[in-house]
Structures are given as structure tokens and as C-alpha cells.
Protein backbone atom coordinates (compact mmCIF):
# COMPACT_ATOMS: atom_id res chain seq x y z
CA MET A 1 4.79 6.27 -1.65
CA ARG A 2 1.34 5.46 -2.21
CA SER A 3 -0.36 5.03 -5.60
CA GLY A 4 -3.44 4.09 -7.70
CA GLN A 5 -4.62 3.24 -11.04
CA VAL A 6 -6.93 5.63 -12.87
CA PHE A 7 -9.79 4.79 -14.99
CA PHE A 8 -12.02 6.69 -16.71
CA LYS A 9 -15.19 4.76 -18.10
CA ASN A 10 -13.63 1.30 -16.71
CA GLU A 11 -10.32 1.39 -18.84
CA LEU A 12 -6.78 2.69 -17.50
CA ALA A 13 -6.18 6.40 -18.17
CA GLY A 14 -3.29 6.42 -16.35
CA MET A 15 -1.77 6.45 -12.72
CA LEU A 16 -1.96 8.63 -9.68
CA SER A 17 1.06 8.40 -7.01
CA GLN A 18 2.00 10.24 -3.59
CA LEU A 19 5.66 10.54 -3.09
CA ASP A 20 7.06 10.33 -0.11
CA ASN A 21 8.01 13.47 0.33
CA GLY A 22 3.83 14.15 0.11
CA SER A 23 4.26 15.93 -3.56
CA PHE A 24 2.07 14.13 -6.13
CA ILE A 25 2.11 13.36 -9.32
CA PHE A 26 -0.69 12.20 -12.31
CA ARG A 27 0.73 10.21 -15.53
CA TYR A 28 -1.41 9.45 -17.79
CA ASP A 29 -0.96 5.40 -19.19
CA GLU A 30 1.01 5.96 -22.31
CA ARG A 31 -1.90 3.96 -24.78
CA TRP A 32 -4.17 6.56 -23.61
CA PHE A 33 -2.39 9.45 -23.79
CA ASN A 34 -0.82 8.33 -27.33
CA ASP A 35 -4.94 7.63 -28.89
CA THR A 36 -6.74 10.53 -29.80
CA ASN A 37 -10.01 9.31 -29.98
CA LYS A 38 -9.67 9.23 -25.74
CA PRO A 39 -10.28 12.34 -23.65
CA ALA A 40 -8.58 14.07 -21.12
CA ILE A 41 -9.76 13.02 -17.84
CA SER A 42 -10.38 16.90 -16.15
CA LEU A 43 -9.88 19.70 -18.26
CA THR A 44 -7.02 20.95 -16.08
CA LEU A 45 -5.14 17.22 -16.52
CA LEU A 46 -4.99 17.90 -20.37
CA LYS A 47 -3.44 15.39 -22.73
CA ASN A 48 -1.47 18.18 -23.70
CA GLN A 49 1.88 16.87 -21.11
CA MET A 50 1.95 12.90 -19.97
CA GLU A 51 3.10 14.21 -16.37
CA PHE A 52 1.79 16.29 -14.11
CA GLN A 53 3.32 17.55 -11.17
CA SER A 54 1.76 18.95 -7.75
CA SER A 55 2.99 19.71 -4.09
CA THR A 56 -1.13 19.22 -3.15
CA LEU A 57 -3.58 16.79 -4.18
CA PHE A 58 -4.75 17.99 -7.74
CA PRO A 59 -8.30 19.75 -7.78
CA PHE A 60 -9.94 17.08 -10.05
CA PHE A 61 -8.88 14.09 -7.57
CA PHE A 62 -10.14 16.19 -4.13
CA ASN A 63 -13.07 17.00 -5.82
CA LEU A 64 -13.59 13.56 -5.85
CA ILE A 65 -13.44 13.26 -1.41
CA PRO A 66 -16.75 13.19 0.40
CA GLU A 67 -17.01 15.90 2.58
CA GLY A 68 -18.44 16.20 6.12
CA VAL A 69 -20.49 13.48 8.08
CA ASN A 70 -20.29 11.15 5.17
CA LYS A 71 -15.85 11.71 5.32
CA ARG A 72 -15.56 11.25 8.89
CA LEU A 73 -17.94 7.97 9.40
CA ILE A 74 -15.49 6.57 6.40
CA CYS A 75 -12.05 8.04 8.37
CA SER A 76 -13.30 6.52 11.69
CA LYS A 77 -14.22 3.04 10.06
CA LYS A 78 -11.39 2.86 8.04
CA ARG A 79 -9.21 4.26 10.36
CA ILE A 80 -7.61 6.58 8.01
CA ASP A 81 -6.83 10.56 9.67
CA LEU A 82 -9.07 12.97 8.17
CA ASP A 83 -6.26 15.37 7.14
CA ASP A 84 -5.34 12.43 4.48
CA TYR A 85 -6.33 13.51 1.43
CA PHE A 86 -5.43 10.60 -0.36
CA GLY A 87 -5.84 7.46 1.55
CA ILE A 88 -9.30 8.59 1.89
CA LEU A 89 -9.42 9.26 -1.98
CA LEU A 90 -7.89 6.01 -2.26
CA GLU A 91 -10.44 4.49 -0.37
CA VAL A 92 -13.35 5.56 -1.60
CA ALA A 93 -12.85 6.02 -5.33
CA GLY A 94 -12.57 2.65 -6.40
CA GLY A 95 -16.29 2.57 -6.20
CA ASP A 96 -18.94 4.26 -7.44
CA THR A 97 -18.74 7.21 -7.44
CA ILE A 98 -19.88 10.16 -9.22
CA GLY A 99 -18.61 10.91 -12.63
CA ALA A 100 -16.27 8.51 -15.19
CA VAL A 101 -13.96 8.01 -13.02
CA LYS A 102 -12.49 5.41 -10.57
CA ILE A 103 -9.06 4.81 -8.92
CA ILE A 104 -7.81 1.70 -8.09
CA LYS A 105 -5.17 1.52 -5.14
CA MET A 106 -2.71 -0.16 -5.99
CA LYS A 107 -0.56 -2.34 -3.24
């Protein structure tokens, strides 16, 4: 299993994990979920439930992955398969991302 902590404006909002069977789980951090002043991180991951499951990487997170030449360069440099979307996400989404969300790879 691979996981990353999901931060929204530098505050822990949840955890994104890929299970051994390839499916994905996003789970809001309990404190974030229970704080009515904290927003949902995405319109597709509303705070009306604490945990979400998907057989593929959630579109919201998939859209944080670079495309084209940038994707190929990162994959080549970091030795990541071009189809390993979660591996790419964990490698790049902990740095300077577009928007308020960052994902920090768990060791």
C-alpha cells in the first residue's frame, strides 16, 4: 500500500492511499472533517462523508499530475512508469502545486 497525506493550504485535510489491489481511498482527517469551518478539498469529495473509494485515481488528484514533456521528464528522471499515476502524483504534488492542495508521500 502507498499513501500520501493531503494538505489544504498547509493544513492536514486527509489521507490518500492506493491499496494493494490498485484501488484508492481518500479519507478526511477526523479533525478536518468535524470542523465546519474547513471546506471540502474538492466539489467531487464533499464533506458529507468521511471516506471515499474508487477503482481508479480520483479525477481531482489525477488533474494534479503534469502532462506531456514535463510528465515524461519526471518519469525518466525519477524512474517512474508513465502509467503509474499515483507514483507520479506522490513525486510531484508535494512541492509547488497549482491550487491549495499538496500531497506529501508517506514513507
